[in-house]
All heavy atoms as atom14 arrays in JSON, in Angstrom:
{
  "sequence": "YIYKFYHYYNDHLEPRKNDMIAWALLTGLVCFAIVFALGIAFE",
  "atom14_mask": [
    [1, 1, 1, 1, 1, 1, 1, 1, 1, 1, 1, 1, 0, 0],
    [1, 1, 1, 1, 1, 1, 1, 1, 0, 0, 0, 0, 0, 0],
    [1, 1, 1, 1, 1, 1, 1, 1, 1, 1, 1, 1, 0, 0],
    [1, 1, 1, 1, 1, 1, 1, 1, 1, 0, 0, 0, 0, 0],
    [1, 1, 1, 1, 1, 1, 1, 1, 1, 1, 1, 0, 0, 0],
    [1, 1, 1, 1, 1, 1, 1, 1, 1, 1, 1, 1, 0, 0],
    [1, 1, 1, 1, 1, 1, 1, 1, 1, 1, 0, 0, 0, 0],
    [1, 1, 1, 1, 1, 1, 1, 1, 1, 1, 1, 1, 0, 0],
    [1, 1, 1, 1, 1, 1, 1, 1, 1, 1, 1, 1, 0, 0],
    [1, 1, 1, 1, 1, 1, 1, 1, 0, 0, 0, 0, 0, 0],
    [1, 1, 1, 1, 1, 1, 1, 1, 0, 0, 0, 0, 0, 0],
    [1, 1, 1, 1, 1, 1, 1, 1, 1, 1, 0, 0, 0, 0],
    [1, 1, 1, 1, 1, 1, 1, 1, 0, 0, 0, 0, 0, 0],
    [1, 1, 1, 1, 1, 1, 1, 1, 1, 0, 0, 0, 0, 0],
    [1, 1, 1, 1, 1, 1, 1, 0, 0, 0, 0, 0, 0, 0],
    [1, 1, 1, 1, 1, 1, 1, 1, 1, 1, 1, 0, 0, 0],
    [1, 1, 1, 1, 1, 1, 1, 1, 1, 0, 0, 0, 0, 0],
    [1, 1, 1, 1, 1, 1, 1, 1, 0, 0, 0, 0, 0, 0],
    [1, 1, 1, 1, 1, 1, 1, 1, 0, 0, 0, 0, 0, 0],
    [1, 1, 1, 1, 1, 1, 1, 1, 0, 0, 0, 0, 0, 0],
    [1, 1, 1, 1, 1, 1, 1, 1, 0, 0, 0, 0, 0, 0],
    [1, 1, 1, 1, 1, 0, 0, 0, 0, 0, 0, 0, 0, 0],
    [1, 1, 1, 1, 1, 1, 1, 1, 1, 1, 1, 1, 1, 1],
    [1, 1, 1, 1, 1, 0, 0, 0, 0, 0, 0, 0, 0, 0],
    [1, 1, 1, 1, 1, 1, 1, 1, 0, 0, 0, 0, 0, 0],
    [1, 1, 1, 1, 1, 1, 1, 1, 0, 0, 0, 0, 0, 0],
    [1, 1, 1, 1, 1, 1, 1, 0, 0, 0, 0, 0, 0, 0],
    [1, 1, 1, 1, 0, 0, 0, 0, 0, 0, 0, 0, 0, 0],
    [1, 1, 1, 1, 1, 1, 1, 1, 0, 0, 0, 0, 0, 0],
    [1, 1, 1, 1, 1, 1, 1, 0, 0, 0, 0, 0, 0, 0],
    [1, 1, 1, 1, 1, 1, 0, 0, 0, 0, 0, 0, 0, 0],
    [1, 1, 1, 1, 1, 1, 1, 1, 1, 1, 1, 0, 0, 0],
    [1, 1, 1, 1, 1, 0, 0, 0, 0, 0, 0, 0, 0, 0],
    [1, 1, 1, 1, 1, 1, 1, 1, 0, 0, 0, 0, 0, 0],
    [1, 1, 1, 1, 1, 1, 1, 0, 0, 0, 0, 0, 0, 0],
    [1, 1, 1, 1, 1, 1, 1, 1, 1, 1, 1, 0, 0, 0],
    [1, 1, 1, 1, 1, 0, 0, 0, 0, 0, 0, 0, 0, 0],
    [1, 1, 1, 1, 1, 1, 1, 1, 0, 0, 0, 0, 0, 0],
    [1, 1, 1, 1, 0, 0, 0, 0, 0, 0, 0, 0, 0, 0],
    [1, 1, 1, 1, 1, 1, 1, 1, 0, 0, 0, 0, 0, 0],
    [1, 1, 1, 1, 1, 0, 0, 0, 0, 0, 0, 0, 0, 0],
    [1, 1, 1, 1, 1, 1, 1, 1, 1, 1, 1, 0, 0, 0],
    [1, 1, 1, 1, 1, 1, 1, 1, 1, 0, 0, 0, 0, 0]
  ],
  "atom14_positions": [
    [[-5.67, -25.53, -2.49], [-4.95, -25.46, -1.21], [-3.79, -24.46, -1.3], [-3.58, -23.64, -0.4], [-4.47, -26.86, -0.85], [-3.24, -26.94, 0.03], [-3.25, -26.42, 1.32], [-2.09, -27.58, -0.43], [-2.13, -26.54, 2.13], [-0.97, -27.69, 0.37], [-0.99, -27.16, 1.65], [0.13, -27.27, 2.44], [0.0, 0.0, 0.0], [0.0, 0.0, 0.0]],
    [[-3.06, -24.49, -2.41], [-1.94, -23.57, -2.59], [-2.44, -22.13, -2.71], [-1.89, -21.22, -2.09], [-1.11, -23.98, -3.82], [-0.43, -25.33, -3.56], [-0.08, -22.92, -4.16], [0.25, -25.93, -4.77], [0.0, 0.0, 0.0], [0.0, 0.0, 0.0], [0.0, 0.0, 0.0], [0.0, 0.0, 0.0], [0.0, 0.0, 0.0], [0.0, 0.0, 0.0]],
    [[-3.48, -21.91, -3.52], [-4.03, -20.56, -3.67], [-4.45, -19.96, -2.32], [-4.16, -18.81, -2.01], [-5.27, -20.57, -4.58], [-5.02, -21.0, -6.01], [-5.96, -21.78, -6.68], [-3.86, -20.62, -6.68], [-5.76, -22.18, -7.99], [-3.65, -21.03, -7.99], [-4.59, -21.81, -8.63], [-4.39, -22.2, -9.92], [0.0, 0.0, 0.0], [0.0, 0.0, 0.0]],
    [[-5.12, -20.78, -1.52], [-5.71, -20.3, -0.27], [-4.68, -20.05, 0.82], [-4.73, -19.04, 1.53], [-6.76, -21.31, 0.22], [-7.42, -20.96, 1.56], [-8.29, -19.75, 1.47], [-9.0, -19.5, 2.79], [-9.81, -18.27, 2.75], [0.0, 0.0, 0.0], [0.0, 0.0, 0.0], [0.0, 0.0, 0.0], [0.0, 0.0, 0.0], [0.0, 0.0, 0.0]],
    [[-3.72, -20.97, 0.95], [-2.83, -20.94, 2.12], [-1.41, -20.49, 1.81], [-0.58, -20.43, 2.74], [-2.8, -22.32, 2.78], [-4.1, -22.68, 3.46], [-5.04, -23.45, 2.8], [-4.37, -22.24, 4.73], [-6.24, -23.79, 3.41], [-5.58, -22.56, 5.36], [-6.51, -23.34, 4.69], [0.0, 0.0, 0.0], [0.0, 0.0, 0.0], [0.0, 0.0, 0.0]],
    [[-1.1, -20.19, 0.56], [0.28, -19.82, 0.23], [0.79, -18.66, 1.08], [1.93, -18.7, 1.58], [0.39, -19.46, -1.27], [1.74, -18.85, -1.62], [2.85, -19.66, -1.83], [1.88, -17.45, -1.71], [4.09, -19.09, -2.13], [3.12, -16.89, -2.0], [4.22, -17.71, -2.2], [5.44, -17.15, -2.49], [0.0, 0.0, 0.0], [0.0, 0.0, 0.0]],
    [[-0.03, -17.62, 1.22], [0.44, -16.44, 1.95], [0.69, -16.73, 3.43], [1.56, -16.1, 4.05], [-0.56, -15.3, 1.8], [-0.62, -14.74, 0.41], [0.41, -14.03, -0.15], [-1.58, -14.84, -0.56], [0.1, -13.68, -1.38], [-1.11, -14.17, -1.67], [0.0, 0.0, 0.0], [0.0, 0.0, 0.0], [0.0, 0.0, 0.0], [0.0, 0.0, 0.0]],
    [[-0.03, -17.68, 4.0], [0.23, -18.05, 5.38], [1.59, -18.74, 5.51], [2.35, -18.47, 6.46], [-0.87, -19.0, 5.89], [-2.22, -18.33, 5.98], [-3.14, -18.4, 4.93], [-2.58, -17.58, 7.1], [-4.37, -17.77, 5.0], [-3.82, -16.96, 7.18], [-4.71, -17.05, 6.13], [-5.93, -16.43, 6.21], [0.0, 0.0, 0.0], [0.0, 0.0, 0.0]],
    [[1.9, -19.62, 4.58], [3.22, -20.26, 4.59], [4.32, -19.25, 4.28], [5.36, -19.22, 4.95], [3.26, -21.39, 3.53], [2.62, -22.67, 3.96], [1.24, -22.84, 3.81], [3.35, -23.71, 4.5], [0.63, -24.04, 4.2], [2.74, -24.91, 4.9], [1.37, -25.05, 4.74], [0.76, -26.23, 5.14], [0.0, 0.0, 0.0], [0.0, 0.0, 0.0]],
    [[4.1, -18.43, 3.27], [5.12, -17.49, 2.84], [5.43, -16.44, 3.89], [6.59, -16.0, 4.05], [4.68, -16.81, 1.54], [5.77, -15.97, 0.91], [6.84, -16.48, 0.6], [5.51, -14.69, 0.73], [0.0, 0.0, 0.0], [0.0, 0.0, 0.0], [0.0, 0.0, 0.0], [0.0, 0.0, 0.0], [0.0, 0.0, 0.0], [0.0, 0.0, 0.0]],
    [[4.41, -16.0, 4.64], [4.59, -14.95, 5.64], [5.21, -15.44, 6.93], [5.73, -14.63, 7.72], [3.25, -14.27, 5.95], [2.71, -13.48, 4.78], [3.45, -13.28, 3.8], [1.52, -13.06, 4.83], [0.0, 0.0, 0.0], [0.0, 0.0, 0.0], [0.0, 0.0, 0.0], [0.0, 0.0, 0.0], [0.0, 0.0, 0.0], [0.0, 0.0, 0.0]],
    [[5.16, -16.74, 7.21], [5.61, -17.24, 8.51], [6.74, -18.26, 8.43], [7.18, -18.76, 9.48], [4.41, -17.89, 9.24], [3.33, -16.91, 9.56], [2.23, -16.72, 8.76], [3.18, -16.06, 10.61], [1.44, -15.8, 9.29], [1.98, -15.38, 10.41], [0.0, 0.0, 0.0], [0.0, 0.0, 0.0], [0.0, 0.0, 0.0], [0.0, 0.0, 0.0]],
    [[7.21, -18.58, 7.22], [8.27, -19.56, 7.1], [9.4, -19.09, 6.2], [9.16, -18.36, 5.23], [7.72, -20.88, 6.53], [6.72, -21.69, 7.37], [6.18, -22.85, 6.54], [7.37, -22.21, 8.65], [0.0, 0.0, 0.0], [0.0, 0.0, 0.0], [0.0, 0.0, 0.0], [0.0, 0.0, 0.0], [0.0, 0.0, 0.0], [0.0, 0.0, 0.0]],
    [[10.6, -19.52, 6.51], [11.71, -19.32, 5.57], [11.48, -20.22, 4.36], [10.89, -21.29, 4.48], [13.03, -19.69, 6.24], [13.39, -18.87, 7.45], [14.64, -19.39, 8.14], [15.39, -20.14, 7.48], [14.83, -19.07, 9.31], [0.0, 0.0, 0.0], [0.0, 0.0, 0.0], [0.0, 0.0, 0.0], [0.0, 0.0, 0.0], [0.0, 0.0, 0.0]],
    [[11.99, -19.81, 3.19], [11.75, -20.62, 1.98], [12.15, -22.09, 2.14], [11.44, -22.98, 1.67], [12.6, -19.92, 0.93], [12.65, -18.49, 1.38], [12.68, -18.54, 2.88], [0.0, 0.0, 0.0], [0.0, 0.0, 0.0], [0.0, 0.0, 0.0], [0.0, 0.0, 0.0], [0.0, 0.0, 0.0], [0.0, 0.0, 0.0], [0.0, 0.0, 0.0]],
    [[13.28, -22.37, 2.8], [13.75, -23.74, 2.92], [12.9, -24.58, 3.86], [12.97, -25.8, 3.87], [15.21, -23.76, 3.37], [16.16, -23.24, 2.3], [17.62, -23.44, 2.7], [18.5, -22.98, 1.65], [18.82, -23.71, 0.57], [18.32, -24.93, 0.43], [19.62, -23.23, -0.35], [0.0, 0.0, 0.0], [0.0, 0.0, 0.0], [0.0, 0.0, 0.0]],
    [[12.11, -23.93, 4.72], [11.27, -24.65, 5.66], [9.82, -24.73, 5.19], [8.96, -25.28, 5.88], [11.33, -23.98, 7.02], [12.71, -24.07, 7.7], [12.69, -23.42, 9.07], [14.06, -23.55, 9.75], [14.07, -22.92, 11.09], [0.0, 0.0, 0.0], [0.0, 0.0, 0.0], [0.0, 0.0, 0.0], [0.0, 0.0, 0.0], [0.0, 0.0, 0.0]],
    [[9.55, -24.2, 4.0], [8.2, -24.21, 3.45], [7.9, -25.59, 2.85], [8.46, -25.96, 1.8], [8.08, -23.13, 2.37], [6.64, -22.91, 1.93], [5.8, -23.81, 2.03], [6.33, -21.73, 1.44], [0.0, 0.0, 0.0], [0.0, 0.0, 0.0], [0.0, 0.0, 0.0], [0.0, 0.0, 0.0], [0.0, 0.0, 0.0], [0.0, 0.0, 0.0]],
    [[7.05, -26.34, 3.51], [6.77, -27.72, 3.1], [5.51, -27.85, 2.24], [5.1, -28.97, 1.89], [6.64, -28.62, 4.33], [5.54, -28.13, 5.28], [5.26, -26.93, 5.29], [4.99, -28.97, 6.04], [0.0, 0.0, 0.0], [0.0, 0.0, 0.0], [0.0, 0.0, 0.0], [0.0, 0.0, 0.0], [0.0, 0.0, 0.0], [0.0, 0.0, 0.0]],
    [[4.9, -26.72, 1.87], [3.62, -26.75, 1.16], [3.71, -27.53, -0.14], [2.94, -28.46, -0.4], [3.14, -25.33, 0.88], [2.03, -25.23, -0.14], [1.48, -23.55, -0.47], [0.18, -23.43, 0.75], [0.0, 0.0, 0.0], [0.0, 0.0, 0.0], [0.0, 0.0, 0.0], [0.0, 0.0, 0.0], [0.0, 0.0, 0.0], [0.0, 0.0, 0.0]],
    [[4.64, -27.16, -1.02], [4.67, -27.74, -2.35], [5.08, -29.21, -2.32], [4.62, -30.03, -3.11], [5.62, -26.93, -3.29], [5.5, -27.41, -4.74], [7.07, -27.02, -2.81], [4.13, -27.21, -5.33], [0.0, 0.0, 0.0], [0.0, 0.0, 0.0], [0.0, 0.0, 0.0], [0.0, 0.0, 0.0], [0.0, 0.0, 0.0], [0.0, 0.0, 0.0]],
    [[5.93, -29.59, -1.35], [6.35, -30.98, -1.24], [5.16, -31.88, -0.94], [4.97, -32.94, -1.57], [7.43, -31.12, -0.17], [0.0, 0.0, 0.0], [0.0, 0.0, 0.0], [0.0, 0.0, 0.0], [0.0, 0.0, 0.0], [0.0, 0.0, 0.0], [0.0, 0.0, 0.0], [0.0, 0.0, 0.0], [0.0, 0.0, 0.0], [0.0, 0.0, 0.0]],
    [[4.35, -31.49, 0.04], [3.17, -32.29, 0.41], [2.14, -32.29, -0.72], [1.47, -33.3, -0.96], [2.55, -31.78, 1.71], [3.41, -32.0, 2.91], [3.99, -31.07, 3.71], [3.81, -33.28, 3.43], [4.71, -31.67, 4.7], [4.64, -33.03, 4.56], [3.57, -34.6, 3.06], [5.2, -34.05, 5.32], [4.15, -35.61, 3.82], [4.95, -35.33, 4.94]],
    [[2.02, -31.15, -1.41], [1.06, -31.08, -2.52], [1.44, -32.03, -3.65], [0.59, -32.76, -4.19], [0.98, -29.63, -3.05], [0.0, 0.0, 0.0], [0.0, 0.0, 0.0], [0.0, 0.0, 0.0], [0.0, 0.0, 0.0], [0.0, 0.0, 0.0], [0.0, 0.0, 0.0], [0.0, 0.0, 0.0], [0.0, 0.0, 0.0], [0.0, 0.0, 0.0]],
    [[2.74, -32.06, -4.01], [3.2, -32.96, -5.07], [3.07, -34.42, -4.67], [2.63, -35.26, -5.47], [4.65, -32.64, -5.44], [4.88, -31.35, -6.22], [6.36, -31.05, -6.34], [4.26, -31.44, -7.62], [0.0, 0.0, 0.0], [0.0, 0.0, 0.0], [0.0, 0.0, 0.0], [0.0, 0.0, 0.0], [0.0, 0.0, 0.0], [0.0, 0.0, 0.0]],
    [[3.43, -34.73, -3.43], [3.31, -36.11, -2.96], [1.86, -36.56, -2.98], [1.54, -37.69, -3.41], [3.89, -36.24, -1.55], [3.83, -37.63, -0.93], [4.62, -38.64, -1.76], [4.33, -37.62, 0.51], [0.0, 0.0, 0.0], [0.0, 0.0, 0.0], [0.0, 0.0, 0.0], [0.0, 0.0, 0.0], [0.0, 0.0, 0.0], [0.0, 0.0, 0.0]],
    [[0.95, -35.7, -2.53], [-0.47, -36.02, -2.54], [-0.96, -36.29, -3.96], [-1.7, -37.26, -4.21], [-1.28, -34.87, -1.92], [-0.83, -34.65, -0.59], [-2.77, -35.19, -1.92], [0.0, 0.0, 0.0], [0.0, 0.0, 0.0], [0.0, 0.0, 0.0], [0.0, 0.0, 0.0], [0.0, 0.0, 0.0], [0.0, 0.0, 0.0], [0.0, 0.0, 0.0]],
    [[-0.54, -35.44, -4.9], [-0.94, -35.63, -6.29], [-0.47, -36.95, -6.87], [-1.2, -37.64, -7.58], [0.0, 0.0, 0.0], [0.0, 0.0, 0.0], [0.0, 0.0, 0.0], [0.0, 0.0, 0.0], [0.0, 0.0, 0.0], [0.0, 0.0, 0.0], [0.0, 0.0, 0.0], [0.0, 0.0, 0.0], [0.0, 0.0, 0.0], [0.0, 0.0, 0.0]],
    [[0.78, -37.33, -6.56], [1.34, -38.59, -7.07], [0.63, -39.8, -6.49], [0.3, -40.76, -7.2], [2.84, -38.65, -6.76], [3.74, -37.72, -7.58], [5.15, -37.72, -7.04], [3.73, -38.12, -9.06], [0.0, 0.0, 0.0], [0.0, 0.0, 0.0], [0.0, 0.0, 0.0], [0.0, 0.0, 0.0], [0.0, 0.0, 0.0], [0.0, 0.0, 0.0]],
    [[0.38, -39.76, -5.18], [-0.32, -40.89, -4.53], [-1.73, -41.04, -5.08], [-2.18, -42.17, -5.39], [-0.34, -40.69, -3.01], [-1.24, -41.73, -2.35], [1.08, -40.79, -2.43], [0.0, 0.0, 0.0], [0.0, 0.0, 0.0], [0.0, 0.0, 0.0], [0.0, 0.0, 0.0], [0.0, 0.0, 0.0], [0.0, 0.0, 0.0], [0.0, 0.0, 0.0]],
    [[-2.44, -39.93, -5.2], [-3.82, -39.98, -5.69], [-3.87, -40.43, -7.15], [-4.78, -41.15, -7.56], [-4.5, -38.63, -5.52], [-4.83, -38.21, -3.82], [0.0, 0.0, 0.0], [0.0, 0.0, 0.0], [0.0, 0.0, 0.0], [0.0, 0.0, 0.0], [0.0, 0.0, 0.0], [0.0, 0.0, 0.0], [0.0, 0.0, 0.0], [0.0, 0.0, 0.0]],
    [[-2.88, -40.0, -7.95], [-2.85, -40.45, -9.33], [-2.66, -41.96, -9.41], [-3.29, -42.65, -10.24], [-1.73, -39.77, -10.12], [-1.64, -40.23, -11.55], [-2.47, -39.71, -12.52], [-0.76, -41.25, -11.92], [-2.43, -40.17, -13.84], [-0.7, -41.71, -13.22], [-1.53, -41.17, -14.18], [0.0, 0.0, 0.0], [0.0, 0.0, 0.0], [0.0, 0.0, 0.0]],
    [[-1.8, -42.51, -8.54], [-1.58, -43.95, -8.52], [-2.88, -44.69, -8.19], [-3.19, -45.74, -8.78], [-0.51, -44.29, -7.51], [0.0, 0.0, 0.0], [0.0, 0.0, 0.0], [0.0, 0.0, 0.0], [0.0, 0.0, 0.0], [0.0, 0.0, 0.0], [0.0, 0.0, 0.0], [0.0, 0.0, 0.0], [0.0, 0.0, 0.0], [0.0, 0.0, 0.0]],
    [[-3.66, -44.13, -7.28], [-4.95, -44.74, -6.92], [-5.92, -44.69, -8.11], [-6.6, -45.67, -8.42], [-5.56, -44.02, -5.7], [-4.7, -44.24, -4.46], [-7.0, -44.48, -5.44], [-5.09, -43.41, -3.27], [0.0, 0.0, 0.0], [0.0, 0.0, 0.0], [0.0, 0.0, 0.0], [0.0, 0.0, 0.0], [0.0, 0.0, 0.0], [0.0, 0.0, 0.0]],
    [[-5.97, -43.53, -8.78], [-6.85, -43.38, -9.95], [-6.44, -44.35, -11.05], [-7.29, -44.96, -11.72], [-6.83, -41.92, -10.46], [-7.57, -41.8, -11.79], [-7.45, -40.98, -9.44], [0.0, 0.0, 0.0], [0.0, 0.0, 0.0], [0.0, 0.0, 0.0], [0.0, 0.0, 0.0], [0.0, 0.0, 0.0], [0.0, 0.0, 0.0], [0.0, 0.0, 0.0]],
    [[-5.13, -44.52, -11.26], [-4.66, -45.42, -12.29], [-5.06, -46.86, -11.98], [-5.47, -47.63, -12.86], [-3.14, -45.34, -12.43], [-2.56, -46.22, -13.49], [-3.0, -46.12, -14.81], [-1.6, -47.14, -13.2], [-2.48, -46.93, -15.82], [-1.07, -47.97, -14.18], [-1.51, -47.86, -15.49], [0.0, 0.0, 0.0], [0.0, 0.0, 0.0], [0.0, 0.0, 0.0]],
    [[-4.97, -47.24, -10.7], [-5.39, -48.59, -10.29], [-6.89, -48.8, -10.55], [-7.31, -49.85, -11.03], [-5.07, -48.79, -8.81], [0.0, 0.0, 0.0], [0.0, 0.0, 0.0], [0.0, 0.0, 0.0], [0.0, 0.0, 0.0], [0.0, 0.0, 0.0], [0.0, 0.0, 0.0], [0.0, 0.0, 0.0], [0.0, 0.0, 0.0], [0.0, 0.0, 0.0]],
    [[-7.68, -47.74, -10.27], [-9.11, -47.83, -10.55], [-9.35, -47.9, -12.06], [-10.3, -48.58, -12.52], [-9.84, -46.62, -9.97], [-9.9, -46.57, -8.43], [-10.46, -45.23, -7.96], [-10.75, -47.72, -7.88], [0.0, 0.0, 0.0], [0.0, 0.0, 0.0], [0.0, 0.0, 0.0], [0.0, 0.0, 0.0], [0.0, 0.0, 0.0], [0.0, 0.0, 0.0]],
    [[-8.53, -47.21, -12.83], [-8.65, -47.25, -14.28], [-8.44, -48.64, -14.84], [-9.13, -49.08, -15.77], [0.0, 0.0, 0.0], [0.0, 0.0, 0.0], [0.0, 0.0, 0.0], [0.0, 0.0, 0.0], [0.0, 0.0, 0.0], [0.0, 0.0, 0.0], [0.0, 0.0, 0.0], [0.0, 0.0, 0.0], [0.0, 0.0, 0.0], [0.0, 0.0, 0.0]],
    [[-7.48, -49.35, -14.25], [-7.25, -50.74, -14.67], [-8.48, -51.61, -14.35], [-8.93, -52.44, -15.14], [-5.99, -51.3, -13.97], [-4.75, -50.53, -14.44], [-5.84, -52.78, -14.25], [-3.48, -50.89, -13.68], [0.0, 0.0, 0.0], [0.0, 0.0, 0.0], [0.0, 0.0, 0.0], [0.0, 0.0, 0.0], [0.0, 0.0, 0.0], [0.0, 0.0, 0.0]],
    [[-9.02, -51.38, -13.14], [-10.17, -52.19, -12.71], [-11.41, -51.95, -13.57], [-12.19, -52.89, -13.8], [-10.47, -51.87, -11.24], [0.0, 0.0, 0.0], [0.0, 0.0, 0.0], [0.0, 0.0, 0.0], [0.0, 0.0, 0.0], [0.0, 0.0, 0.0], [0.0, 0.0, 0.0], [0.0, 0.0, 0.0], [0.0, 0.0, 0.0], [0.0, 0.0, 0.0]],
    [[-11.58, -50.7, -14.04], [-12.81, -50.36, -14.77], [-12.58, -50.27, -16.3], [-13.4, -49.69, -17.01], [-13.39, -49.05, -14.26], [-14.01, -49.17, -12.89], [-13.3, -48.79, -11.77], [-15.28, -49.68, -12.74], [-13.86, -48.89, -10.5], [-15.85, -49.81, -11.48], [-15.13, -49.41, -10.36], [0.0, 0.0, 0.0], [0.0, 0.0, 0.0], [0.0, 0.0, 0.0]],
    [[-11.5, -50.86, -16.79], [-11.22, -50.82, -18.23], [-12.35, -51.44, -19.04], [-12.77, -50.94, -20.09], [-9.91, -51.52, -18.54], [-9.58, -51.53, -20.03], [-8.43, -52.47, -20.37], [-7.98, -53.2, -19.46], [-8.03, -52.49, -21.55], [0.0, 0.0, 0.0], [0.0, 0.0, 0.0], [0.0, 0.0, 0.0], [0.0, 0.0, 0.0], [0.0, 0.0, 0.0]]
  ]
}
């Protein structure tokens, strides 16, 4: 997602208004928590 859309964010937003990396990190953390829960279930 970052590779594909970075230039769209970078070309049309000020750095402080660029929300790309924040949503990407939050998504990664939430999905990791789900995977960890599944890991406990399938131990």
